[in-house]
Amino acid sequence: MLTNSTTAAAMTTSLFRPIEATPLGRDVDRATALEKTDASRSENEVRKTFESVLGEMLFGQLLKGMRKTLGKPAYFYGGRAEEIFTQQLDQVLAEKISDASAEQFVAPMYDLFMLQRQ
């Protein structure tokens, strides 16, 4: 069995270990690397949000305008349920079209937007 003095000595040595000193330059390098990754991450998030919002708004309005040109059919019209389904379908289509064409269509708009902000 261990005595109280032996237990206390073992606990103090395990609790108070010397901390290894790291060079200050390494910490500064880590901090700048973290700032760069945060800035690039936030720029990517802004770009994705810009592409999704602008693309969905643009293509959503395009689909909405196309739906207005169509009249209601005389037969097999679903009423308000069909109108709601059509709106939801247009929303999903706008999201898909926006994702598919973001690089060719919305990315140049984002670049122009960012040039104006600088």
Protein backbone atom coordinates (compact mmCIF):
# COMPACT_ATOMS: atom_id res chain seq x y z
CA MET A 1 0.00 0.00 0.00
CA LEU A 2 1.08 3.53 -0.67
CA THR A 3 1.32 5.99 2.12
CA ASN A 4 -0.15 9.45 1.96
CA SER A 5 3.25 11.08 1.45
CA THR A 6 4.04 8.80 -1.51
CA THR A 7 0.63 9.47 -3.09
CA ALA A 8 0.99 13.22 -2.62
CA ALA A 9 4.46 13.20 -4.17
CA ALA A 10 3.23 11.22 -7.19
CA MET A 11 0.29 13.57 -7.69
CA THR A 12 2.39 16.72 -7.54
CA THR A 13 4.86 15.45 -10.11
CA SER A 14 2.13 14.47 -12.55
CA LEU A 15 0.24 17.73 -12.11
CA PHE A 16 3.18 20.06 -12.46
CA ARG A 17 5.06 18.91 -15.52
CA PRO A 18 7.29 21.47 -17.21
CA ILE A 19 5.74 23.07 -20.27
CA GLU A 20 7.86 22.87 -23.36
CA ALA A 21 8.60 26.27 -24.81
CA THR A 22 7.69 26.78 -28.45
CA PRO A 23 9.41 29.39 -30.54
CA LEU A 24 7.40 32.57 -30.99
CA GLY A 25 7.86 32.47 -34.76
CA ARG A 26 6.02 29.16 -34.99
CA ASP A 27 3.00 30.60 -33.14
CA VAL A 28 2.94 33.64 -35.40
CA ASP A 29 3.10 31.42 -38.47
CA ARG A 30 0.19 29.34 -37.17
CA ALA A 31 -1.88 32.45 -36.46
CA THR A 32 -1.32 33.90 -39.93
CA ALA A 33 -2.12 30.54 -41.52
CA LEU A 34 -5.37 30.37 -39.56
CA GLU A 35 -6.28 33.89 -40.64
CA LYS A 36 -5.63 33.00 -44.28
CA THR A 37 -7.75 29.86 -44.08
CA ASP A 38 -10.55 31.77 -42.34
CA ALA A 39 -10.41 34.50 -44.99
CA SER A 40 -10.43 32.00 -47.85
CA ARG A 41 -13.18 29.98 -46.17
CA SER A 42 -15.33 33.06 -45.68
CA GLU A 43 -14.66 34.16 -49.27
CA ASN A 44 -15.80 30.73 -50.50
CA GLU A 45 -18.93 30.96 -48.36
CA VAL A 46 -19.69 34.44 -49.72
CA ARG A 47 -19.15 33.21 -53.27
CA LYS A 48 -21.46 30.21 -52.78
CA THR A 49 -24.15 32.36 -51.17
CA PHE A 50 -23.86 34.97 -53.92
CA GLU A 51 -24.15 32.31 -56.61
CA SER A 52 -27.13 30.59 -55.01
CA VAL A 53 -29.08 33.77 -54.24
CA LEU A 54 -28.46 35.51 -57.55
CA GLY A 55 -28.91 32.37 -59.62
CA GLU A 56 -32.10 31.29 -57.89
CA MET A 57 -33.55 34.79 -58.09
CA LEU A 58 -32.69 35.19 -61.76
CA PHE A 59 -33.82 31.76 -62.90
CA GLY A 60 -36.84 31.86 -60.61
CA GLN A 61 -38.03 35.07 -62.26
CA LEU A 62 -37.34 33.56 -65.67
CA LEU A 63 -39.48 30.50 -64.90
CA LYS A 64 -42.19 32.66 -63.36
CA GLY A 65 -42.33 34.76 -66.53
CA MET A 66 -42.51 31.64 -68.66
CA ARG A 67 -45.40 30.27 -66.59
CA LYS A 68 -47.36 33.52 -67.06
CA THR A 69 -47.36 33.01 -70.84
CA LEU A 70 -49.21 29.73 -70.42
CA GLY A 71 -52.95 29.82 -69.94
CA LYS A 72 -54.95 27.52 -67.71
CA PRO A 73 -56.06 24.38 -69.52
CA ALA A 74 -59.76 23.81 -70.09
CA TYR A 75 -59.53 20.22 -68.88
CA PHE A 76 -57.41 18.50 -66.26
CA TYR A 77 -56.63 21.62 -64.28
CA GLY A 78 -55.62 20.86 -60.70
CA GLY A 79 -56.71 24.17 -59.18
CA ARG A 80 -54.81 25.74 -56.31
CA ALA A 81 -52.94 22.48 -55.59
CA GLU A 82 -51.47 22.51 -59.08
CA GLU A 83 -50.45 26.15 -58.70
CA ILE A 84 -48.65 25.41 -55.44
CA PHE A 85 -46.94 22.36 -56.93
CA THR A 86 -45.88 24.40 -59.96
CA GLN A 87 -44.37 27.09 -57.73
CA GLN A 88 -42.45 24.48 -55.74
CA LEU A 89 -41.31 22.79 -58.96
CA ASP A 90 -40.08 26.12 -60.30
CA GLN A 91 -38.16 26.75 -57.08
CA VAL A 92 -36.41 23.37 -57.30
CA LEU A 93 -35.69 23.89 -61.00
CA ALA A 94 -34.22 27.34 -60.29
CA GLU A 95 -31.92 25.80 -57.63
CA LYS A 96 -30.77 23.05 -60.00
CA ILE A 97 -30.21 25.43 -62.92
CA SER A 98 -28.34 27.83 -60.64
CA ASP A 99 -26.05 25.06 -59.40
CA ALA A 100 -25.42 23.80 -62.93
CA SER A 101 -24.64 27.18 -64.48
CA ALA A 102 -22.94 28.95 -61.59
CA GLU A 103 -19.45 28.75 -63.07
CA GLN A 104 -20.38 30.06 -66.53
CA PHE A 105 -23.06 32.58 -65.69
CA VAL A 106 -22.97 33.83 -62.10
CA ALA A 107 -19.22 33.62 -61.43
CA PRO A 108 -18.39 36.54 -63.78
CA MET A 109 -21.06 38.62 -62.03
CA TYR A 110 -19.46 37.80 -58.68
CA ASP A 111 -16.04 38.83 -59.97
CA LEU A 112 -17.42 42.18 -61.18
CA PHE A 113 -19.18 42.67 -57.85
CA MET A 114 -15.96 42.06 -55.94
CA LEU A 115 -14.01 44.46 -58.19
CA GLN A 116 -16.47 47.23 -57.36
CA ARG A 117 -16.06 46.61 -53.62
CA GLN A 118 -12.26 46.93 -53.71
